Amino acid sequence: MARLIETAEQHVALQLGNLTAQNIALSCALEQRDRALGDAQARIAELEAELGKPRASGEAEDAAPDRAEGGIA
């Protein structure tokens, strides 16, 4: 009986270790996702600010060629 209890305790300890490792991995993944999301939101804000700026004459043609001319916009 003591051997069975010892085996069960070892199993529980192993499972707890596995869950702890998974928790740490998920926490790291969430931190990475949050950083990437913050970077993406900052970039979106930059692009939206650029859209609101008036362009100098000729700048639009240089930055984005017309699709009819075969350019990729």
C-alpha atoms as a PDB file:
ATOM      1  CA  MET A   1       0.000   0.000   0.000  1.00  0.00           C
ATOM      2  CA  ALA A   2       2.837   2.389   0.860  1.00  0.00           C
ATOM      3  CA  ARG A   3       4.414   1.701  -2.543  1.00  0.00           C
ATOM      4  CA  LEU A   4       1.136   2.569  -4.288  1.00  0.00           C
ATOM      5  CA  ILE A   5       0.873   5.859  -2.381  1.00  0.00           C
ATOM      6  CA  GLU A   6       4.504   6.683  -3.194  1.00  0.00           C
ATOM      7  CA  THR A   7       3.904   5.973  -6.888  1.00  0.00           C
ATOM      8  CA  ALA A   8       0.776   8.160  -6.865  1.00  0.00           C
ATOM      9  CA  GLU A   9       2.687  10.988  -5.177  1.00  0.00           C
ATOM     10  CA  GLN A  10       5.424  10.751  -7.792  1.00  0.00           C
ATOM     11  CA  HIS A  11       2.841  10.813 -10.556  1.00  0.00           C
ATOM     12  CA  VAL A  12       1.179  13.898  -9.064  1.00  0.00           C
ATOM     13  CA  ALA A  13       4.571  15.620  -8.691  1.00  0.00           C
ATOM     14  CA  LEU A  14       5.428  14.840 -12.309  1.00  0.00           C
ATOM     15  CA  GLN A  15       2.074  16.151 -13.527  1.00  0.00           C
ATOM     16  CA  LEU A  16       2.500  19.313 -11.444  1.00  0.00           C
ATOM     17  CA  GLY A  17       5.937  19.842 -12.992  1.00  0.00           C
ATOM     18  CA  ASN A  18       4.504  19.370 -16.476  1.00  0.00           C
ATOM     19  CA  LEU A  19       1.693  21.825 -15.794  1.00  0.00           C
ATOM     20  CA  THR A  20       4.135  24.360 -14.386  1.00  0.00           C
ATOM     21  CA  ALA A  21       6.317  24.086 -17.500  1.00  0.00           C
ATOM     22  CA  GLN A  22       3.264  24.492 -19.752  1.00  0.00           C
ATOM     23  CA  ASN A  23       2.144  27.499 -17.732  1.00  0.00           C
ATOM     24  CA  ILE A  24       5.539  29.152 -18.149  1.00  0.00           C
ATOM     25  CA  ALA A  25       5.578  28.423 -21.888  1.00  0.00           C
ATOM     26  CA  LEU A  26       2.086  29.870 -22.315  1.00  0.00           C
ATOM     27  CA  SER A  27       3.019  32.935 -20.299  1.00  0.00           C
ATOM     28  CA  CYS A  28       6.040  33.545 -22.548  1.00  0.00           C
ATOM     29  CA  ALA A  29       3.921  33.069 -25.664  1.00  0.00           C
ATOM     30  CA  LEU A  30       1.352  35.556 -24.382  1.00  0.00           C
ATOM     31  CA  GLU A  31       4.070  38.108 -23.640  1.00  0.00           C
ATOM     32  CA  GLN A  32       5.427  37.707 -27.184  1.00  0.00           C
ATOM     33  CA  ARG A  33       1.934  38.062 -28.610  1.00  0.00           C
ATOM     34  CA  ASP A  34       1.311  41.191 -26.547  1.00  0.00           C
ATOM     35  CA  ARG A  35       4.594  42.746 -27.727  1.00  0.00           C
ATOM     36  CA  ALA A  36       3.815  41.893 -31.356  1.00  0.00           C
ATOM     37  CA  LEU A  37       0.317  43.305 -30.984  1.00  0.00           C
ATOM     38  CA  GLY A  38       1.680  46.513 -29.478  1.00  0.00           C
ATOM     39  CA  ASP A  39       4.210  46.834 -32.307  1.00  0.00           C
ATOM     40  CA  ALA A  40       1.489  46.245 -34.890  1.00  0.00           C
ATOM     41  CA  GLN A  41      -0.814  48.810 -33.279  1.00  0.00           C
ATOM     42  CA  ALA A  42       2.005  51.358 -33.212  1.00  0.00           C
ATOM     43  CA  ARG A  43       2.730  50.699 -36.896  1.00  0.00           C
ATOM     44  CA  ILE A  44      -0.960  51.054 -37.746  1.00  0.00           C
ATOM     45  CA  ALA A  45      -1.031  54.393 -35.922  1.00  0.00           C
ATOM     46  CA  GLU A  46       2.053  55.518 -37.902  1.00  0.00           C
ATOM     47  CA  LEU A  47       0.448  54.514 -41.190  1.00  0.00           C
ATOM     48  CA  GLU A  48      -2.822  56.198 -40.285  1.00  0.00           C
ATOM     49  CA  ALA A  49      -0.886  59.363 -39.433  1.00  0.00           C
ATOM     50  CA  GLU A  50       0.865  59.177 -42.801  1.00  0.00           C
ATOM     51  CA  LEU A  51      -2.483  58.843 -44.551  1.00  0.00           C
ATOM     52  CA  GLY A  52      -3.620  62.046 -42.897  1.00  0.00           C
ATOM     53  CA  LYS A  53      -0.595  64.041 -44.131  1.00  0.00           C
ATOM     54  CA  PRO A  54      -0.862  65.973 -47.355  1.00  0.00           C
ATOM     55  CA  ARG A  55       1.571  64.656 -49.973  1.00  0.00           C
ATOM     56  CA  ALA A  56       3.975  66.782 -51.937  1.00  0.00           C
ATOM     57  CA  SER A  57       3.248  66.900 -55.669  1.00  0.00           C
ATOM     58  CA  GLY A  58       4.782  63.945 -57.460  1.00  0.00           C
ATOM     59  CA  GLU A  59       5.351  61.967 -54.267  1.00  0.00           C
ATOM     60  CA  ALA A  60       2.323  59.748 -54.791  1.00  0.00           C
ATOM     61  CA  GLU A  61       3.491  58.685 -58.251  1.00  0.00           C
ATOM     62  CA  ASP A  62       6.962  57.776 -56.978  1.00  0.00           C
ATOM     63  CA  ALA A  63       5.703  55.875 -53.957  1.00  0.00           C
ATOM     64  CA  ALA A  64       2.982  53.809 -55.658  1.00  0.00           C
ATOM     65  CA  PRO A  65       3.105  53.305 -59.435  1.00  0.00           C
ATOM     66  CA  ASP A  66      -0.183  53.151 -61.281  1.00  0.00           C
ATOM     67  CA  ARG A  67      -1.503  49.615 -61.684  1.00  0.00           C
ATOM     68  CA  ALA A  68      -2.413  50.332 -65.292  1.00  0.00           C
ATOM     69  CA  GLU A  69       1.295  50.800 -65.995  1.00  0.00           C
ATOM     70  CA  GLY A  70       2.085  47.353 -64.645  1.00  0.00           C
ATOM     71  CA  GLY A  71       3.313  48.481 -61.238  1.00  0.00           C
ATOM     72  CA  ILE A  72       2.365  46.706 -58.029  1.00  0.00           C
ATOM     73  CA  ALA A  73       0.691  48.913 -55.473  1.00  0.00           C
END
